[in-house]
Protein backbone atom coordinates (compact mmCIF):
# COMPACT_ATOMS: atom_id res chain seq x y z
CA UNK A 1 223.68 252.62 154.49
CA UNK A 2 223.75 256.24 155.65
CA UNK A 3 226.35 257.68 157.98
CA UNK A 4 223.73 258.09 160.73
CA UNK A 5 222.69 254.44 160.53
CA UNK A 6 226.31 253.24 160.54
CA UNK A 7 226.96 255.37 163.57
CA UNK A 8 223.90 253.99 165.38
CA UNK A 9 224.90 250.37 164.62
CA UNK A 10 228.64 250.90 165.05
CA UNK A 11 229.20 248.15 167.65
CA UNK A 12 227.71 245.53 165.33
CA UNK A 13 230.84 245.82 163.19
CA UNK A 14 232.60 243.85 165.95
CA UNK A 15 232.12 240.09 165.23
CA UNK A 16 232.10 239.04 168.90
CA UNK A 17 229.53 241.68 169.74
CA UNK A 18 227.30 240.52 166.86
CA UNK A 19 227.28 237.01 168.35
CA UNK A 20 226.55 238.41 171.80
CA UNK A 21 223.77 240.59 170.37
CA UNK A 22 222.08 237.63 168.67
CA UNK A 23 222.30 235.40 171.75
CA UNK A 24 220.94 238.11 174.00
CA UNK A 25 217.88 238.65 171.78
CA UNK A 26 216.72 235.07 172.33
CA UNK A 27 217.77 234.84 175.98
CA UNK A 28 216.23 238.12 177.13
CA UNK A 29 213.00 237.40 175.25
CA UNK A 30 212.73 234.22 177.28
CA UNK A 31 213.49 236.16 180.45
CA UNK A 32 210.66 238.63 179.77
CA UNK A 33 208.30 235.74 179.09
CA UNK A 34 209.18 234.27 182.48
CA UNK A 35 208.73 237.59 184.31
CA UNK A 36 205.30 238.13 182.77
CA UNK A 37 204.29 234.55 183.60
CA UNK A 38 205.58 234.83 187.19
CA UNK A 39 203.65 238.03 187.85
CA UNK A 40 200.48 236.59 186.36
CA UNK A 41 200.91 233.29 188.23
CA UNK A 42 201.32 235.03 191.60
CA UNK A 43 198.37 237.32 190.86
CA UNK A 44 196.29 234.26 189.97
CA UNK A 45 197.33 232.40 193.12
CA UNK A 46 196.92 235.26 195.60
CA UNK A 47 194.93 238.11 193.92
CA UNK A 48 197.29 240.46 195.78
CA UNK A 49 199.27 243.38 194.41
CA UNK A 50 201.50 243.29 197.48
CA UNK A 51 202.41 239.67 196.77
CA UNK A 52 203.36 240.59 193.21
CA UNK A 53 205.61 243.29 194.69
CA UNK A 54 207.16 240.77 197.09
CA UNK A 55 207.86 238.40 194.19
CA UNK A 56 209.63 241.12 192.23
CA UNK A 57 211.50 242.29 195.31
CA UNK A 58 212.76 238.81 196.26
CA UNK A 59 214.33 238.35 192.85
CA UNK A 60 216.61 241.32 193.47
CA UNK A 61 217.08 241.04 197.25
CA UNK A 62 220.37 239.10 196.84
CA UNK A 63 221.63 241.90 194.58
CA UNK A 64 220.95 244.42 197.34
CA UNK A 65 222.78 242.30 199.93
CA UNK A 66 225.57 240.69 197.89
CA UNK A 67 225.89 242.76 194.70
CA UNK A 68 228.95 244.73 195.81
CA UNK A 69 230.81 241.52 196.69
CA UNK A 70 229.84 240.16 193.28
CA UNK A 71 231.60 243.15 191.73
CA UNK A 72 234.79 242.41 193.69
CA UNK A 73 234.66 238.85 192.36
CA UNK A 74 234.16 240.08 188.78
CA UNK A 75 237.25 242.32 189.01
CA UNK A 76 239.30 239.27 190.03
CA UNK A 77 238.18 237.23 187.00
CA UNK A 78 240.02 237.78 183.75
CA UNK A 79 237.95 235.36 181.61
CA UNK A 80 234.43 236.79 181.90
CA UNK A 81 233.34 234.79 178.86
CA UNK A 82 233.88 231.50 180.68
CA UNK A 83 232.26 232.89 183.84
CA UNK A 84 229.16 233.87 181.85
CA UNK A 85 228.93 230.37 180.37
CA UNK A 86 228.72 229.04 183.94
CA UNK A 87 226.18 231.58 185.22
CA UNK A 88 223.95 231.26 182.14
CA UNK A 89 223.86 227.49 182.62
CA UNK A 90 222.92 227.91 186.28
CA UNK A 91 220.20 230.44 185.41
CA UNK A 92 218.34 227.74 183.46
CA UNK A 93 217.82 225.57 186.57
CA UNK A 94 215.22 227.78 188.34
CA UNK A 95 213.24 228.11 185.10
CA UNK A 96 213.12 224.32 184.64
CA UNK A 97 212.06 223.84 188.27
CA UNK A 98 209.25 226.37 188.03
CA UNK A 99 208.06 224.81 184.76
CA UNK A 100 207.87 221.37 186.39
CA UNK A 101 206.00 222.65 189.46
CA UNK A 102 203.51 224.64 187.39
CA UNK A 103 202.93 221.94 184.78
CA UNK A 104 202.14 219.37 187.48
CA UNK A 105 199.84 221.74 189.37
CA UNK A 106 201.94 221.55 192.53
CA UNK A 107 203.06 225.17 192.55
CA UNK A 108 202.35 227.38 195.55
CA UNK A 109 203.29 231.00 196.04
CA UNK A 110 206.05 230.23 198.55
CA UNK A 111 207.68 227.95 195.97
CA UNK A 112 207.69 230.79 193.44
CA UNK A 113 209.35 233.04 196.05
CA UNK A 114 212.09 230.48 196.78
CA UNK A 115 212.81 230.02 193.08
CA UNK A 116 213.02 233.74 192.30
CA UNK A 117 215.30 234.18 195.33
CA UNK A 118 217.60 231.47 193.94
CA UNK A 119 217.62 233.11 190.51
CA UNK A 120 218.43 236.44 192.14
CA UNK A 121 221.40 234.93 193.94
CA UNK A 122 222.91 233.77 190.64
CA UNK A 123 222.15 237.21 189.22
CA UNK A 124 224.53 238.87 191.73
CA UNK A 125 227.41 237.49 189.65
CA UNK A 126 225.78 237.19 186.23
CA UNK A 127 224.53 240.79 185.99
CA UNK A 128 227.76 242.70 186.76
CA UNK A 129 229.64 240.18 184.60
CA UNK A 130 227.40 240.99 181.62
CA UNK A 131 227.62 244.72 182.32
CA UNK A 132 231.43 244.73 182.24
CA UNK A 133 231.69 242.17 179.43
CA UNK A 134 230.30 244.77 177.03
CA UNK A 135 233.51 246.79 177.41
CA UNK A 136 235.55 243.63 176.82
CA UNK A 137 233.64 243.03 173.59
CA UNK A 138 233.92 246.46 171.96
CA UNK A 139 236.49 248.51 173.90
CA UNK A 140 236.03 251.99 175.39
CA UNK A 141 235.57 253.81 172.06
CA UNK A 142 232.34 251.97 171.25
CA UNK A 143 230.96 251.30 174.74
CA UNK A 144 228.34 254.11 174.69
CA UNK A 145 226.97 252.74 171.43
CA UNK A 146 227.13 249.13 172.68
CA UNK A 147 225.26 249.96 175.89
CA UNK A 148 222.55 251.67 173.84
CA UNK A 149 222.26 248.69 171.49
CA UNK A 150 221.99 246.43 174.54
CA UNK A 151 219.02 248.56 175.54
CA UNK A 152 217.53 247.92 172.09
CA UNK A 153 217.80 244.18 172.80
CA UNK A 154 216.21 244.49 176.23
CA UNK A 155 213.31 246.59 175.07
CA UNK A 156 212.75 244.69 171.84
CA UNK A 157 212.40 241.67 174.11
CA UNK A 158 210.00 243.72 176.24
CA UNK A 159 207.73 243.80 173.18
CA UNK A 160 208.17 240.26 171.87
CA UNK A 161 208.49 238.52 175.26
CA UNK A 162 205.16 239.71 176.73
CA UNK A 163 203.43 239.21 173.39
CA UNK A 164 204.59 235.59 173.19
CA UNK A 165 203.84 235.12 176.89
CA UNK A 166 200.33 236.53 176.51
CA UNK A 167 199.62 234.19 173.60
CA UNK A 168 201.01 231.16 175.45
CA UNK A 169 199.19 231.96 178.69
CA UNK A 170 195.90 232.46 176.85
CA UNK A 171 196.29 229.20 174.92
CA UNK A 172 198.33 226.85 177.10
CA UNK A 173 198.78 228.47 180.51
CA UNK A 174 201.85 229.90 182.24
CA UNK A 175 204.01 226.73 182.35
CA UNK A 176 205.27 226.85 178.72
CA UNK A 177 206.70 230.32 179.35
CA UNK A 178 209.05 228.91 181.99
CA UNK A 179 210.13 226.08 179.68
CA UNK A 180 210.87 228.49 176.82
CA UNK A 181 213.01 230.63 179.11
CA UNK A 182 215.01 227.59 180.23
CA UNK A 183 215.67 226.66 176.60
CA UNK A 184 216.54 230.26 175.61
CA UNK A 185 219.74 230.19 177.67
CA UNK A 186 221.09 227.78 175.08
CA UNK A 187 221.25 230.60 172.52
CA UNK A 188 223.46 232.65 174.81
CA UNK A 189 225.73 229.68 175.53
CA UNK A 190 226.20 229.07 171.79
CA UNK A 191 227.01 232.75 171.22
CA UNK A 192 229.62 232.75 174.00
CA UNK A 193 231.16 229.52 172.74
CA UNK A 194 231.51 230.87 169.16
CA UNK A 195 233.35 234.03 170.22
CA UNK A 196 237.02 234.57 169.43
CA UNK A 197 238.76 235.16 172.79
CA UNK A 198 241.73 236.78 171.04
CA UNK A 199 239.57 239.71 169.96
CA UNK A 200 238.36 240.54 173.49
CA UNK A 201 239.60 243.71 175.23
CA UNK A 202 240.29 241.82 178.42
CA UNK A 203 241.11 243.98 181.43
CA UNK A 204 243.73 243.03 183.99
CA UNK A 205 242.65 241.09 187.04
CA UNK A 206 242.39 242.87 190.36
CA UNK A 207 244.59 241.45 193.10
CA UNK A 208 242.99 240.14 196.27
CA UNK A 209 243.25 242.99 198.78
CA UNK A 210 241.30 244.06 201.87
CA UNK A 211 238.81 246.91 201.55
CA UNK A 212 238.13 246.63 197.82
CA UNK A 213 234.42 247.39 198.18
CA UNK A 214 235.23 250.41 200.35
CA UNK A 215 237.74 251.57 197.73
CA UNK A 216 235.03 251.55 195.06
CA UNK A 217 232.60 253.41 197.32
CA UNK A 218 235.25 256.03 198.18
CA UNK A 219 235.96 256.57 194.48
CA UNK A 220 232.29 257.03 193.64
CA UNK A 221 231.64 259.34 196.58
CA UNK A 222 234.71 261.43 195.78
CA UNK A 223 233.90 261.98 192.10
CA UNK A 224 230.86 263.96 191.01
CA UNK A 225 230.86 262.38 187.52
CA UNK A 226 230.18 259.01 189.19
CA UNK A 227 228.36 260.10 192.35
CA UNK A 228 225.55 262.18 190.85
CA UNK A 229 224.38 259.65 188.22
CA UNK A 230 224.52 256.82 190.75
CA UNK A 231 222.50 258.76 193.34
CA UNK A 232 219.94 259.61 190.66
CA UNK A 233 219.58 255.90 190.00
CA UNK A 234 219.17 255.17 193.72
CA UNK A 235 215.93 257.16 193.92
CA UNK A 236 214.60 256.45 190.44
CA UNK A 237 215.50 252.76 190.65
CA UNK A 238 213.67 252.44 193.96
CA UNK A 239 210.41 254.22 193.15
CA UNK A 240 210.13 254.66 189.37
CA UNK A 241 211.15 251.32 187.79
CA UNK A 242 208.30 249.18 189.16
CA UNK A 243 206.40 248.39 185.99
CA UNK A 244 206.55 244.64 186.67
CA UNK A 245 204.42 245.34 189.74
CA UNK A 246 202.10 248.05 188.40
CA UNK A 247 201.26 246.99 184.85
CA UNK A 248 199.70 243.63 185.82
CA UNK A 249 197.51 245.54 188.29
CA UNK A 250 196.50 248.07 185.64
CA UNK A 251 195.69 245.23 183.26
CA UNK A 252 193.51 243.29 185.70
CA UNK A 253 191.93 245.86 188.00
CA UNK A 254 191.92 249.17 186.09
CA UNK A 255 191.26 247.98 182.54
CA UNK A 256 189.59 244.67 183.59
CA UNK A 257 191.65 242.72 181.07
CA UNK A 258 193.69 239.53 180.81
CA UNK A 259 197.33 238.56 180.42
CA UNK A 260 197.04 239.81 176.83
CA UNK A 261 196.17 243.27 178.16
CA UNK A 262 199.30 243.17 180.32
CA UNK A 263 201.35 242.13 177.30
CA UNK A 264 199.98 245.05 175.27
CA UNK A 265 200.91 247.55 177.98
CA UNK A 266 204.43 246.12 178.13
CA UNK A 267 204.69 246.16 174.34
CA UNK A 268 203.63 249.82 174.18
CA UNK A 269 206.34 250.76 176.61
CA UNK A 270 208.82 248.61 174.68
CA UNK A 271 208.16 250.46 171.41
CA UNK A 272 209.15 253.74 173.01
CA UNK A 273 212.13 252.13 174.70
CA UNK A 274 213.55 250.92 171.38
CA UNK A 275 213.18 254.41 169.91
CA UNK A 276 214.97 255.92 172.90
CA UNK A 277 217.74 253.32 172.73
CA UNK A 278 218.38 253.94 169.02
CA UNK A 279 218.56 257.70 169.59
CA UNK A 280 220.93 257.15 172.52
CA UNK A 281 223.07 254.87 170.34
CA UNK A 282 223.53 257.69 167.84
CA UNK A 283 225.18 259.81 170.54
CA UNK A 284 228.84 259.42 171.45
CA UNK A 285 228.68 261.25 174.76
CA UNK A 286 226.71 261.51 177.97
CA UNK A 287 225.97 264.98 179.33
CA UNK A 288 224.43 266.19 182.59
CA UNK A 289 221.69 267.82 180.54
CA UNK A 290 220.91 264.47 178.89
CA UNK A 291 220.59 262.66 182.24
CA UNK A 292 218.42 265.38 183.77
CA UNK A 293 216.27 265.71 180.65
CA UNK A 294 215.71 261.95 180.46
CA UNK A 295 214.76 261.80 184.15
CA UNK A 296 212.32 264.69 183.64
CA UNK A 297 210.70 263.04 180.61
CA UNK A 298 210.51 259.74 182.48
CA UNK A 299 208.84 261.32 185.50
CA UNK A 300 206.42 263.60 183.64
CA UNK A 301 205.22 260.80 181.38
CA UNK A 302 204.55 258.54 184.38
CA UNK A 303 202.42 261.25 185.99
CA UNK A 304 200.43 261.57 182.76
CA UNK A 305 200.12 257.78 182.37
CA UNK A 306 198.78 257.55 185.92
CA UNK A 307 195.95 259.93 184.96
CA UNK A 308 195.19 258.32 181.58
CA UNK A 309 191.40 257.96 181.08
CA UNK A 310 191.57 254.93 178.77
CA UNK A 311 193.88 252.03 178.03
CA UNK A 312 194.67 253.37 174.55
CA UNK A 313 195.73 256.75 175.93
CA UNK A 314 197.85 255.09 178.60
CA UNK A 315 199.59 252.90 176.00
CA UNK A 316 200.49 256.00 173.96
CA UNK A 317 201.96 257.71 177.03
CA UNK A 318 203.79 254.55 178.12
CA UNK A 319 205.68 254.66 174.82
CA UNK A 320 207.08 258.05 175.89
CA UNK A 321 207.80 256.62 179.35
CA UNK A 322 209.79 253.83 177.73
CA UNK A 323 211.88 256.28 175.72
CA UNK A 324 212.69 258.33 178.82
CA UNK A 325 213.50 255.29 180.94
CA UNK A 326 215.97 253.73 178.52
CA UNK A 327 217.68 257.03 177.73
CA UNK A 328 218.21 257.63 181.45
CA UNK A 329 219.35 254.10 182.32
CA UNK A 330 221.70 253.81 179.34
CA UNK A 331 223.15 257.24 180.11
CA UNK A 332 223.93 256.34 183.71
CA UNK A 333 225.36 252.98 182.64
CA UNK A 334 227.63 254.51 179.99
CA UNK A 335 228.90 257.30 182.22
CA UNK A 336 229.87 254.81 184.95
CA UNK A 337 231.47 252.36 182.50
CA UNK A 338 233.68 255.06 181.03
CA UNK A 339 234.58 256.72 184.31
CA UNK A 340 235.28 253.68 186.50
CA UNK A 341 238.67 252.63 185.10
CA UNK A 342 240.24 249.66 186.92
CA UNK A 343 237.31 249.56 189.34
CA UNK A 344 234.82 248.87 186.57
CA UNK A 345 233.53 245.56 187.95
CA UNK A 346 232.91 246.99 191.39
CA UNK A 347 231.41 250.26 190.16
CA UNK A 348 229.06 248.43 187.79
CA UNK A 349 228.13 246.12 190.65
CA UNK A 350 227.18 249.22 192.64
CA UNK A 351 225.09 250.29 189.64
CA UNK A 352 223.37 246.89 189.69
CA UNK A 353 222.83 247.20 193.44
CA UNK A 354 221.06 250.55 193.14
CA UNK A 355 219.21 249.70 189.91
CA UNK A 356 218.17 246.12 190.65
CA UNK A 357 218.89 245.87 194.38
CA UNK A 358 216.60 248.80 195.12
CA UNK A 359 213.66 246.72 193.89
CA UNK A 360 213.22 244.79 197.19
CA UNK A 361 212.68 248.17 198.85
CA UNK A 362 210.58 249.90 196.22
CA UNK A 363 208.50 247.05 194.81
CA UNK A 364 206.72 246.07 198.08
CA UNK A 365 206.10 249.76 198.89
CA UNK A 366 204.67 250.49 195.45
CA UNK A 367 202.76 247.19 195.43
CA UNK A 368 201.16 247.92 198.81
CA UNK A 369 200.28 251.48 197.74
CA UNK A 370 198.77 250.17 194.51
CA UNK A 371 196.75 247.53 196.35
CA UNK A 372 195.43 250.01 198.91
CA UNK A 373 194.87 253.12 196.81
CA UNK A 374 195.01 251.77 193.26
CA UNK A 375 197.79 251.32 190.68
CA UNK A 376 197.43 254.92 189.50
CA UNK A 377 198.91 256.13 192.77
CA UNK A 378 201.85 253.74 192.46
CA UNK A 379 202.66 255.17 189.04
CA UNK A 380 202.18 258.71 190.33
CA UNK A 381 204.71 258.07 193.12
CA UNK A 382 207.28 256.91 190.56
CA UNK A 383 206.73 259.97 188.39
CA UNK A 384 207.06 262.44 191.24
CA UNK A 385 210.22 260.68 192.48
CA UNK A 386 211.83 261.00 189.03
CA UNK A 387 210.90 264.68 188.75
CA UNK A 388 212.27 265.46 192.22
CA UNK A 389 215.49 263.64 191.34
CA UNK A 390 215.87 265.68 188.13
CA UNK A 391 215.56 268.92 190.12
CA UNK A 392 218.12 267.74 192.69
CA UNK A 393 220.58 266.63 189.97
CA UNK A 394 220.38 270.01 188.25
CA UNK A 395 221.31 271.72 191.52
CA UNK A 396 224.08 269.19 192.22
CA UNK A 397 225.66 269.59 188.78
CA UNK A 398 225.55 273.37 189.12
CA UNK A 399 227.33 273.20 192.46
CA UNK A 400 230.30 271.33 190.96
CA UNK A 401 230.39 273.54 187.85
CA UNK A 402 229.38 270.74 185.48
CA UNK A 403 226.06 272.15 184.29
CA UNK A 404 226.16 273.66 180.77
CA UNK A 405 226.22 277.45 180.82
CA UNK A 406 224.75 277.66 177.34
CA UNK A 407 223.33 275.44 174.62
CA UNK A 408 226.73 275.01 173.06
CA UNK A 409 228.46 271.66 173.36
CA UNK A 410 231.46 273.09 175.22
CA UNK A 411 229.74 272.36 178.51
CA UNK A 412 229.03 268.69 177.89
CA UNK A 413 230.70 265.57 179.18
CA UNK A 414 231.80 263.82 175.96
CA UNK A 415 232.75 260.18 175.98
CA UNK A 416 236.40 261.13 175.73
CA UNK A 417 236.05 263.45 178.70
CA UNK A 418 234.43 260.66 180.67
CA UNK A 419 237.49 258.54 179.97
CA UNK A 420 239.67 261.41 181.09
CA UNK A 421 237.88 261.31 184.41
CA UNK A 422 238.69 257.64 184.81
CA UNK A 423 241.52 256.28 186.88
CA UNK A 424 245.05 257.21 185.75
CA UNK A 425 246.03 253.72 184.72
CA UNK A 426 244.82 250.16 184.26
CA UNK A 427 246.83 248.95 187.19
CA UNK A 428 245.00 246.32 189.17
CA UNK A 429 245.67 247.91 192.51
CA UNK A 430 242.51 249.55 193.75
CA UNK A 431 244.50 252.05 195.73
CA UNK A 432 245.83 253.58 192.53
CA UNK A 433 242.33 254.73 191.60
CA UNK A 434 241.39 256.34 194.83
CA UNK A 435 243.28 259.59 194.83
CA UNK A 436 241.85 263.01 195.59
CA UNK A 437 238.42 263.75 194.20
CA UNK A 438 238.72 265.46 190.81
CA UNK A 439 237.50 269.03 190.49
CA UNK A 440 235.14 269.96 187.69
CA UNK A 441 236.07 272.74 185.35
CA UNK A 442 233.47 274.89 183.63
CA UNK A 443 233.69 272.54 180.67
CA UNK A 444 232.16 269.80 182.77
CA UNK A 445 235.10 267.40 182.60
CA UNK A 446 237.19 266.30 185.56
CA UNK A 447 240.15 268.66 185.71
CA UNK A 448 243.64 267.34 186.17
CA UNK A 449 242.90 263.69 185.35
CA UNK A 450 244.95 261.68 182.89
CA UNK A 451 243.43 259.62 180.08
CA UNK A 452 243.05 255.94 180.84
CA UNK A 453 241.75 252.97 178.98
CA UNK A 454 239.20 251.12 181.16
């Protein structure tokens, strides 16, 4: 095995992470199968792009409303492994219910909406718990690599999940997809049960104190290394990550295809996403230039995909879109994980709020635009939003002195520098992490901060 490959797969040397990795492959594949089946079911029931957008939005509405409180809860829990065993068990219940309703022919669109809303409520705890559990599995030195490998899992499942879903829907209908997803949570439960708790890098619990959400928000607002990436995700998460809404519409109305066509579009994007995730995993740092470049690639490729004359051309461009999307999302995730310190649960909950919780705002808007003007315009809106965000971020990084002055690496934000910008200690008190906003030196790191292990 070459040095480059070992570096890319570094986190897999950790036994607990290997178990987590294997469980996630099965579980997330089932999740993608369910999402494809839900979108196709709602489209079949209503023939409405707006209703598909509402379905996607309802799943993440609880994250928008309750996600920050979920982060406070996560910071107060020391045993995230046990918490995830509970949430993963609960996540199977909506899938079983939807399978039963669909298999018996009793399903109506309002039932789908209630079920996805219930799943989204569980997700307000499950998602930030999984985000922060990655650090517990591998520690701060490997977290950038682990986040990138997690992206490989997600986007590998984006290929296999829709492909399996398309085959099942074509042969047996949508109901088996929901049953498979319910069963797939068992793989994650087995992986969690087999882990060795003694090898976890468990962080200290946060004490119950008033104003803990406000403390996290003040920290993010006061620190450019957290604020700028998170604000980039606010805009891009709202308008640019709406492929669950747009690709079914492209498949049915633009290319006049079936669920298999939808699966192929998702698979094409997944191929590029895996490539982007593997490249990101080879890096050990997150730089402003990387975030801006990924946002630019993401936006430009969406604009080109919106204008694609044929399905084959669009699939080729969507592969590039996938690479840009995962590079951007993994970069934001890693920079927040490393910089959050003792507030990691709350900061990652804010990340989930803006990444997933923005969907209830963006998905209905994009769905309505796509229904009225066509899905090409929905994709065009996402591309222009990403490009505008990249321009803004460049200006914002320059203002705080964090933008590279040359092509040399002295101007970057290495993983170690991101840890330097974290809170000065692992103390559980949130007040200890909310001191004066750090100033950025020309090197791009937060000046005057002390190294901390998140």
